[in-house]
Amino acid sequence: MQRFGASQWQTCALLQLSRTVYRYESVARDQSALEMRIKEITEVRVHYGAPACT
């Protein structure tokens, strides 16, 4: 955008992209409890396959 001298609004309008989507920043969540529970289930229920555990 800066290279061409266009504003964020102009660029998003040209690409038909919401500025909210452009500015979105993902936030990683702590999934350690979920991972531990899945490991517990797979240890107890050895016959379960991947689809049943996840």
PDB file of N, CA and C in Angstrom:
ATOM      1  N   MET A   1       0.829  -1.186   0.000  1.00  0.00           N
ATOM      2  CA  MET A   1       0.000   0.000   0.000  1.00  0.00           C
ATOM      3  C   MET A   1       0.873   1.249   0.000  1.00  0.00           C
ATOM      4  N   GLN A   2       1.830   1.282   0.908  1.00  0.00           N
ATOM      5  CA  GLN A   2       2.677   2.470   1.006  1.00  0.00           C
ATOM      6  C   GLN A   2       3.520   2.633  -0.249  1.00  0.00           C
ATOM      7  N   ARG A   3       3.905   1.541  -0.825  1.00  0.00           N
ATOM      8  CA  ARG A   3       4.734   1.585  -2.031  1.00  0.00           C
ATOM      9  C   ARG A   3       4.021   2.320  -3.162  1.00  0.00           C
ATOM     10  N   PHE A   4       2.709   2.158  -3.254  1.00  0.00           N
ATOM     11  CA  PHE A   4       1.938   2.777  -4.325  1.00  0.00           C
ATOM     12  C   PHE A   4       1.228   4.049  -3.884  1.00  0.00           C
ATOM     13  N   GLY A   5       1.382   4.428  -2.649  1.00  0.00           N
ATOM     14  CA  GLY A   5       0.761   5.649  -2.151  1.00  0.00           C
ATOM     15  C   GLY A   5      -0.739   5.536  -1.957  1.00  0.00           C
ATOM     16  N   ALA A   6      -1.229   4.323  -1.774  1.00  0.00           N
ATOM     17  CA  ALA A   6      -2.665   4.113  -1.578  1.00  0.00           C
ATOM     18  C   ALA A   6      -2.945   3.923  -0.088  1.00  0.00           C
ATOM     19  N   SER A   7      -4.098   4.364   0.326  1.00  0.00           N
ATOM     20  CA  SER A   7      -4.483   4.186   1.727  1.00  0.00           C
ATOM     21  C   SER A   7      -5.012   2.766   1.941  1.00  0.00           C
ATOM     22  N   GLN A   8      -5.123   2.396   3.195  1.00  0.00           N
ATOM     23  CA  GLN A   8      -5.669   1.090   3.535  1.00  0.00           C
ATOM     24  C   GLN A   8      -7.106   0.974   3.037  1.00  0.00           C
ATOM     25  N   TRP A   9      -7.854   2.029   3.189  1.00  0.00           N
ATOM     26  CA  TRP A   9      -9.252   2.031   2.747  1.00  0.00           C
ATOM     27  C   TRP A   9      -9.338   1.822   1.238  1.00  0.00           C
ATOM     28  N   GLN A  10      -8.515   2.530   0.474  1.00  0.00           N
ATOM     29  CA  GLN A  10      -8.537   2.411  -0.986  1.00  0.00           C
ATOM     30  C   GLN A  10      -8.148   1.002  -1.437  1.00  0.00           C
ATOM     31  N   THR A  11      -7.121   0.475  -0.825  1.00  0.00           N
ATOM     32  CA  THR A  11      -6.655  -0.860  -1.200  1.00  0.00           C
ATOM     33  C   THR A  11      -7.708  -1.917  -0.894  1.00  0.00           C
ATOM     34  N   CYS A  12      -8.300  -1.849   0.277  1.00  0.00           N
ATOM     35  CA  CYS A  12      -9.334  -2.815   0.643  1.00  0.00           C
ATOM     36  C   CYS A  12     -10.558  -2.685  -0.258  1.00  0.00           C
ATOM     37  N   ALA A  13     -10.919  -1.471  -0.601  1.00  0.00           N
ATOM     38  CA  ALA A  13     -12.057  -1.255  -1.495  1.00  0.00           C
ATOM     39  C   ALA A  13     -11.765  -1.835  -2.876  1.00  0.00           C
ATOM     40  N   LEU A  14     -10.555  -1.641  -3.364  1.00  0.00           N
ATOM     41  CA  LEU A  14     -10.166  -2.159  -4.674  1.00  0.00           C
ATOM     42  C   LEU A  14     -10.222  -3.686  -4.698  1.00  0.00           C
ATOM     43  N   LEU A  15      -9.780  -4.309  -3.627  1.00  0.00           N
ATOM     44  CA  LEU A  15      -9.761  -5.771  -3.538  1.00  0.00           C
ATOM     45  C   LEU A  15     -11.079  -6.354  -3.033  1.00  0.00           C
ATOM     46  N   GLN A  16     -12.037  -5.487  -2.725  1.00  0.00           N
ATOM     47  CA  GLN A  16     -13.326  -5.878  -2.160  1.00  0.00           C
ATOM     48  C   GLN A  16     -13.110  -6.724  -0.898  1.00  0.00           C
ATOM     49  N   LEU A  17     -12.269  -6.193  -0.024  1.00  0.00           N
ATOM     50  CA  LEU A  17     -11.887  -6.861   1.209  1.00  0.00           C
ATOM     51  C   LEU A  17     -12.245  -5.964   2.383  1.00  0.00           C
ATOM     52  N   SER A  18     -12.866  -6.538   3.382  1.00  0.00           N
ATOM     53  CA  SER A  18     -13.207  -5.776   4.575  1.00  0.00           C
ATOM     54  C   SER A  18     -11.931  -5.357   5.300  1.00  0.00           C
ATOM     55  N   ARG A  19     -11.897  -4.137   5.795  1.00  0.00           N
ATOM     56  CA  ARG A  19     -10.720  -3.694   6.545  1.00  0.00           C
ATOM     57  C   ARG A  19     -10.565  -4.495   7.837  1.00  0.00           C
ATOM     58  N   THR A  20     -11.664  -4.983   8.363  1.00  0.00           N
ATOM     59  CA  THR A  20     -11.606  -5.820   9.558  1.00  0.00           C
ATOM     60  C   THR A  20     -10.837  -7.103   9.264  1.00  0.00           C
ATOM     61  N   VAL A  21     -11.093  -7.704   8.120  1.00  0.00           N
ATOM     62  CA  VAL A  21     -10.384  -8.918   7.721  1.00  0.00           C
ATOM     63  C   VAL A  21      -8.908  -8.613   7.519  1.00  0.00           C
ATOM     64  N   TYR A  22      -8.612  -7.497   6.915  1.00  0.00           N
ATOM     65  CA  TYR A  22      -7.224  -7.115   6.658  1.00  0.00           C
ATOM     66  C   TYR A  22      -6.449  -6.917   7.958  1.00  0.00           C
ATOM     67  N   ARG A  23      -7.094  -6.337   8.955  1.00  0.00           N
ATOM     68  CA  ARG A  23      -6.409  -5.995  10.201  1.00  0.00           C
ATOM     69  C   ARG A  23      -6.481  -7.083  11.267  1.00  0.00           C
ATOM     70  N   TYR A  24      -7.171  -8.191  10.989  1.00  0.00           N
ATOM     71  CA  TYR A  24      -7.368  -9.259  11.968  1.00  0.00           C
ATOM     72  C   TYR A  24      -6.031  -9.853  12.401  1.00  0.00           C
ATOM     73  N   GLU A  25      -5.885 -10.073  13.699  1.00  0.00           N
ATOM     74  CA  GLU A  25      -4.717 -10.749  14.257  1.00  0.00           C
ATOM     75  C   GLU A  25      -5.208 -11.933  15.078  1.00  0.00           C
ATOM     76  N   SER A  26      -4.753 -13.123  14.720  1.00  0.00           N
ATOM     77  CA  SER A  26      -5.201 -14.310  15.446  1.00  0.00           C
ATOM     78  C   SER A  26      -4.553 -14.370  16.823  1.00  0.00           C
ATOM     79  N   VAL A  27      -5.262 -15.016  17.736  1.00  0.00           N
ATOM     80  CA  VAL A  27      -4.775 -15.173  19.104  1.00  0.00           C
ATOM     81  C   VAL A  27      -4.742 -16.667  19.410  1.00  0.00           C
ATOM     82  N   ALA A  28      -3.560 -17.175  19.692  1.00  0.00           N
ATOM     83  CA  ALA A  28      -3.421 -18.597  19.999  1.00  0.00           C
ATOM     84  C   ALA A  28      -3.988 -18.883  21.391  1.00  0.00           C
ATOM     85  N   ARG A  29      -4.735 -19.965  21.490  1.00  0.00           N
ATOM     86  CA  ARG A  29      -5.316 -20.354  22.770  1.00  0.00           C
ATOM     87  C   ARG A  29      -4.522 -21.516  23.363  1.00  0.00           C
ATOM     88  N   ASP A  30      -4.494 -21.577  24.670  1.00  0.00           N
ATOM     89  CA  ASP A  30      -3.801 -22.664  25.355  1.00  0.00           C
ATOM     90  C   ASP A  30      -4.649 -23.929  25.256  1.00  0.00           C
ATOM     91  N   GLN A  31      -4.113 -24.939  24.617  1.00  0.00           N
ATOM     92  CA  GLN A  31      -4.853 -26.180  24.436  1.00  0.00           C
ATOM     93  C   GLN A  31      -4.198 -27.349  25.158  1.00  0.00           C
ATOM     94  N   SER A  32      -3.352 -27.053  26.125  1.00  0.00           N
ATOM     95  CA  SER A  32      -2.634 -28.122  26.821  1.00  0.00           C
ATOM     96  C   SER A  32      -3.586 -29.053  27.576  1.00  0.00           C
ATOM     97  N   ALA A  33      -4.634 -28.522  28.172  1.00  0.00           N
ATOM     98  CA  ALA A  33      -5.595 -29.364  28.896  1.00  0.00           C
ATOM     99  C   ALA A  33      -6.299 -30.322  27.934  1.00  0.00           C
ATOM    100  N   LEU A  34      -6.667 -29.822  26.775  1.00  0.00           N
ATOM    101  CA  LEU A  34      -7.320 -30.661  25.770  1.00  0.00           C
ATOM    102  C   LEU A  34      -6.372 -31.751  25.282  1.00  0.00           C
ATOM    103  N   GLU A  35      -5.124 -31.382  25.019  1.00  0.00           N
ATOM    104  CA  GLU A  35      -4.137 -32.361  24.562  1.00  0.00           C
ATOM    105  C   GLU A  35      -3.913 -33.451  25.607  1.00  0.00           C
ATOM    106  N   MET A  36      -3.852 -33.061  26.880  1.00  0.00           N
ATOM    107  CA  MET A  36      -3.669 -34.042  27.951  1.00  0.00           C
ATOM    108  C   MET A  36      -4.857 -34.995  28.029  1.00  0.00           C
ATOM    109  N   ARG A  37      -6.068 -34.462  27.885  1.00  0.00           N
ATOM    110  CA  ARG A  37      -7.273 -35.297  27.948  1.00  0.00           C
ATOM    111  C   ARG A  37      -7.307 -36.285  26.790  1.00  0.00           C
ATOM    112  N   ILE A  38      -6.932 -35.850  25.603  1.00  0.00           N
ATOM    113  CA  ILE A  38      -6.894 -36.747  24.446  1.00  0.00           C
ATOM    114  C   ILE A  38      -5.885 -37.866  24.684  1.00  0.00           C
ATOM    115  N   LYS A  39      -4.727 -37.534  25.244  1.00  0.00           N
ATOM    116  CA  LYS A  39      -3.720 -38.559  25.547  1.00  0.00           C
ATOM    117  C   LYS A  39      -4.239 -39.549  26.575  1.00  0.00           C
ATOM    118  N   GLU A  40      -4.957 -39.064  27.591  1.00  0.00           N
ATOM    119  CA  GLU A  40      -5.538 -39.952  28.602  1.00  0.00           C
ATOM    120  C   GLU A  40      -6.521 -40.928  27.968  1.00  0.00           C
ATOM    121  N   ILE A  41      -7.373 -40.413  27.101  1.00  0.00           N
ATOM    122  CA  ILE A  41      -8.376 -41.260  26.442  1.00  0.00           C
ATOM    123  C   ILE A  41      -7.705 -42.313  25.578  1.00  0.00           C
ATOM    124  N   THR A  42      -6.685 -41.912  24.821  1.00  0.00           N
ATOM    125  CA  THR A  42      -6.029 -42.874  23.934  1.00  0.00           C
ATOM    126  C   THR A  42      -5.248 -43.934  24.703  1.00  0.00           C
ATOM    127  N   GLU A  43      -4.792 -43.617  25.909  1.00  0.00           N
ATOM    128  CA  GLU A  43      -4.095 -44.612  26.719  1.00  0.00           C
ATOM    129  C   GLU A  43      -5.072 -45.619  27.322  1.00  0.00           C
ATOM    130  N   VAL A  44      -6.242 -45.147  27.719  1.00  0.00           N
ATOM    131  CA  VAL A  44      -7.243 -46.018  28.336  1.00  0.00           C
ATOM    132  C   VAL A  44      -7.990 -46.830  27.280  1.00  0.00           C
ATOM    133  N   ARG A  45      -8.338 -46.215  26.202  1.00  0.00           N
ATOM    134  CA  ARG A  45      -9.126 -46.847  25.147  1.00  0.00           C
ATOM    135  C   ARG A  45      -8.250 -47.058  23.914  1.00  0.00           C
ATOM    136  N   VAL A  46      -7.429 -48.074  23.988  1.00  0.00           N
ATOM    137  CA  VAL A  46      -6.434 -48.345  22.953  1.00  0.00           C
ATOM    138  C   VAL A  46      -7.086 -48.623  21.601  1.00  0.00           C
ATOM    139  N   HIS A  47      -8.271 -49.193  21.596  1.00  0.00           N
ATOM    140  CA  HIS A  47      -8.927 -49.558  20.341  1.00  0.00           C
ATOM    141  C   HIS A  47      -9.545 -48.356  19.623  1.00  0.00           C
ATOM    142  N   TYR A  48      -9.590 -47.186  20.262  1.00  0.00           N
ATOM    143  CA  TYR A  48     -10.135 -45.999  19.604  1.00  0.00           C
ATOM    144  C   TYR A  48      -9.184 -45.542  18.511  1.00  0.00           C
ATOM    145  N   GLY A  49      -9.729 -45.164  17.386  1.00  0.00           N
ATOM    146  CA  GLY A  49      -8.916 -44.614  16.309  1.00  0.00           C
ATOM    147  C   GLY A  49      -8.833 -43.103  16.421  1.00  0.00           C
ATOM    148  N   ALA A  50      -8.094 -42.489  15.531  1.00  0.00           N
ATOM    149  CA  ALA A  50      -7.905 -41.036  15.552  1.00  0.00           C
ATOM    150  C   ALA A  50      -9.228 -40.268  15.452  1.00  0.00           C
ATOM    151  N   PRO A  51     -10.168 -40.662  14.569  1.00  0.00           N
ATOM    152  CA  PRO A  51     -11.423 -39.897  14.490  1.00  0.00           C
ATOM    153  C   PRO A  51     -12.228 -39.919  15.794  1.00  0.00           C
ATOM    154  N   ALA A  52     -12.154 -40.997  16.534  1.00  0.00           N
ATOM    155  CA  ALA A  52     -12.909 -41.093  17.782  1.00  0.00           C
ATOM    156  C   ALA A  52     -12.284 -40.254  18.889  1.00  0.00           C
ATOM    157  N   CYS A  53     -11.002 -39.976  18.790  1.00  0.00           N
ATOM    158  CA  CYS A  53     -10.291 -39.237  19.841  1.00  0.00           C
ATOM    159  C   CYS A  53     -10.245 -37.743  19.584  1.00  0.00           C
ATOM    160  N   THR A  54     -10.413 -37.329  18.363  1.00  0.00           N
ATOM    161  CA  THR A  54     -10.266 -35.892  18.070  1.00  0.00           C
ATOM    162  C   THR A  54     -11.537 -35.252  17.655  1.00  0.00           C
TER     163      THR A  54
END
